[in-house]
Amino acid sequence: MSRLPTVTPRQVIAALEKAGFIVDHQTGSHVVLWSKSDDQRVVVPWHNRDLGRGLTLRIIKSAGLTRDEFMKLLK
């Protein structure tokens, strides 16, 4: 298993959109995405810096994805 790269919030949101999530709304500096298929919400902080690997991993798990699935969606 390869190491999870540091990614920007824009890259995370784009990958989640490929996985079927839709941007629902933004509250302050957090973007809320929603999945219609399983009625699941994921919150991504919107900052001008890279997200840490730990935070990215928590976002991936809350979206119900594996690390490998997320890596494929980034490409």
C-alpha atoms as a PDB file:
ATOM      1  CA  MET A   1       0.000   0.000   0.000  1.00  0.00           C
ATOM      2  CA  SER A   2       1.466   3.308  -1.057  1.00  0.00           C
ATOM      3  CA  ARG A   3       1.603   6.342   1.150  1.00  0.00           C
ATOM      4  CA  LEU A   4      -1.345   8.707   0.934  1.00  0.00           C
ATOM      5  CA  PRO A   5      -0.308  11.932  -0.805  1.00  0.00           C
ATOM      6  CA  THR A   6      -1.024  15.391   0.525  1.00  0.00           C
ATOM      7  CA  VAL A   7      -3.889  16.855  -1.462  1.00  0.00           C
ATOM      8  CA  THR A   8      -5.695  20.159  -1.731  1.00  0.00           C
ATOM      9  CA  PRO A   9      -9.367  20.518  -0.797  1.00  0.00           C
ATOM     10  CA  ARG A  10     -10.153  21.065  -4.493  1.00  0.00           C
ATOM     11  CA  GLN A  11      -8.608  17.672  -5.380  1.00  0.00           C
ATOM     12  CA  VAL A  12     -10.538  15.901  -2.606  1.00  0.00           C
ATOM     13  CA  ILE A  13     -13.840  17.435  -3.716  1.00  0.00           C
ATOM     14  CA  ALA A  14     -13.161  16.518  -7.355  1.00  0.00           C
ATOM     15  CA  ALA A  15     -12.392  12.909  -6.375  1.00  0.00           C
ATOM     16  CA  LEU A  16     -15.543  12.675  -4.253  1.00  0.00           C
ATOM     17  CA  GLU A  17     -17.616  14.070  -7.116  1.00  0.00           C
ATOM     18  CA  LYS A  18     -16.235  11.289  -9.331  1.00  0.00           C
ATOM     19  CA  ALA A  19     -17.395   8.844  -6.648  1.00  0.00           C
ATOM     20  CA  GLY A  20     -20.947  10.164  -6.911  1.00  0.00           C
ATOM     21  CA  PHE A  21     -21.047  12.892  -4.282  1.00  0.00           C
ATOM     22  CA  ILE A  22     -22.699  16.243  -5.021  1.00  0.00           C
ATOM     23  CA  VAL A  23     -21.742  19.560  -3.445  1.00  0.00           C
ATOM     24  CA  ASP A  24     -24.720  20.328  -1.229  1.00  0.00           C
ATOM     25  CA  HIS A  25     -23.675  23.617   0.355  1.00  0.00           C
ATOM     26  CA  GLN A  26     -20.856  25.525   1.990  1.00  0.00           C
ATOM     27  CA  THR A  27     -20.970  26.746   5.561  1.00  0.00           C
ATOM     28  CA  GLY A  28     -18.105  29.081   6.363  1.00  0.00           C
ATOM     29  CA  SER A  29     -14.890  27.358   5.391  1.00  0.00           C
ATOM     30  CA  HIS A  30     -16.386  23.862   5.064  1.00  0.00           C
ATOM     31  CA  VAL A  31     -17.930  22.305   1.958  1.00  0.00           C
ATOM     32  CA  VAL A  32     -20.641  19.715   2.575  1.00  0.00           C
ATOM     33  CA  LEU A  33     -21.015  16.983  -0.029  1.00  0.00           C
ATOM     34  CA  TRP A  34     -23.944  14.589  -0.227  1.00  0.00           C
ATOM     35  CA  SER A  35     -24.373  11.178  -1.805  1.00  0.00           C
ATOM     36  CA  LYS A  36     -27.840  10.535  -3.174  1.00  0.00           C
ATOM     37  CA  SER A  37     -27.338   6.773  -3.434  1.00  0.00           C
ATOM     38  CA  ASP A  38     -26.789   6.135   0.290  1.00  0.00           C
ATOM     39  CA  ASP A  39     -27.862   9.493   1.801  1.00  0.00           C
ATOM     40  CA  GLN A  40     -24.395  10.118   3.246  1.00  0.00           C
ATOM     41  CA  ARG A  41     -22.752  13.475   4.036  1.00  0.00           C
ATOM     42  CA  VAL A  42     -19.056  14.306   3.957  1.00  0.00           C
ATOM     43  CA  VAL A  43     -17.543  17.584   5.155  1.00  0.00           C
ATOM     44  CA  VAL A  44     -14.333  18.903   3.569  1.00  0.00           C
ATOM     45  CA  PRO A  45     -12.566  21.960   5.015  1.00  0.00           C
ATOM     46  CA  TRP A  46     -11.886  24.625   2.377  1.00  0.00           C
ATOM     47  CA  HIS A  47      -8.525  26.269   3.110  1.00  0.00           C
ATOM     48  CA  ASN A  48      -5.677  27.623   1.016  1.00  0.00           C
ATOM     49  CA  ARG A  49      -3.309  24.859   2.023  1.00  0.00           C
ATOM     50  CA  ASP A  50      -2.928  21.109   1.643  1.00  0.00           C
ATOM     51  CA  LEU A  51      -4.935  18.832   3.881  1.00  0.00           C
ATOM     52  CA  GLY A  52      -2.971  16.642   6.238  1.00  0.00           C
ATOM     53  CA  ARG A  53      -2.755  12.927   5.554  1.00  0.00           C
ATOM     54  CA  GLY A  54      -4.676  12.045   8.716  1.00  0.00           C
ATOM     55  CA  LEU A  55      -7.537  14.395   7.882  1.00  0.00           C
ATOM     56  CA  THR A  56      -7.647  13.128   4.309  1.00  0.00           C
ATOM     57  CA  LEU A  57      -7.844   9.553   5.571  1.00  0.00           C
ATOM     58  CA  ARG A  58     -10.748  10.454   7.895  1.00  0.00           C
ATOM     59  CA  ILE A  59     -12.577  12.096   4.974  1.00  0.00           C
ATOM     60  CA  ILE A  60     -12.005   8.992   2.835  1.00  0.00           C
ATOM     61  CA  LYS A  61     -13.371   6.710   5.558  1.00  0.00           C
ATOM     62  CA  SER A  62     -16.391   8.928   6.210  1.00  0.00           C
ATOM     63  CA  ALA A  63     -17.160   8.757   2.478  1.00  0.00           C
ATOM     64  CA  GLY A  64     -17.128   4.960   2.654  1.00  0.00           C
ATOM     65  CA  LEU A  65     -14.140   4.615   0.331  1.00  0.00           C
ATOM     66  CA  THR A  66     -10.921   2.690   0.704  1.00  0.00           C
ATOM     67  CA  ARG A  67      -7.527   4.293   0.312  1.00  0.00           C
ATOM     68  CA  ASP A  68      -6.956   2.513  -3.014  1.00  0.00           C
ATOM     69  CA  GLU A  69     -10.342   3.604  -4.394  1.00  0.00           C
ATOM     70  CA  PHE A  70      -9.536   7.205  -3.468  1.00  0.00           C
ATOM     71  CA  MET A  71      -6.107   7.001  -5.109  1.00  0.00           C
ATOM     72  CA  LYS A  72      -7.748   5.823  -8.370  1.00  0.00           C
ATOM     73  CA  LEU A  73     -10.255   8.694  -8.193  1.00  0.00           C
ATOM     74  CA  LEU A  74      -7.426  11.239  -7.833  1.00  0.00           C
ATOM     75  CA  LYS A  75      -6.006  10.312 -11.231  1.00  0.00           C
END
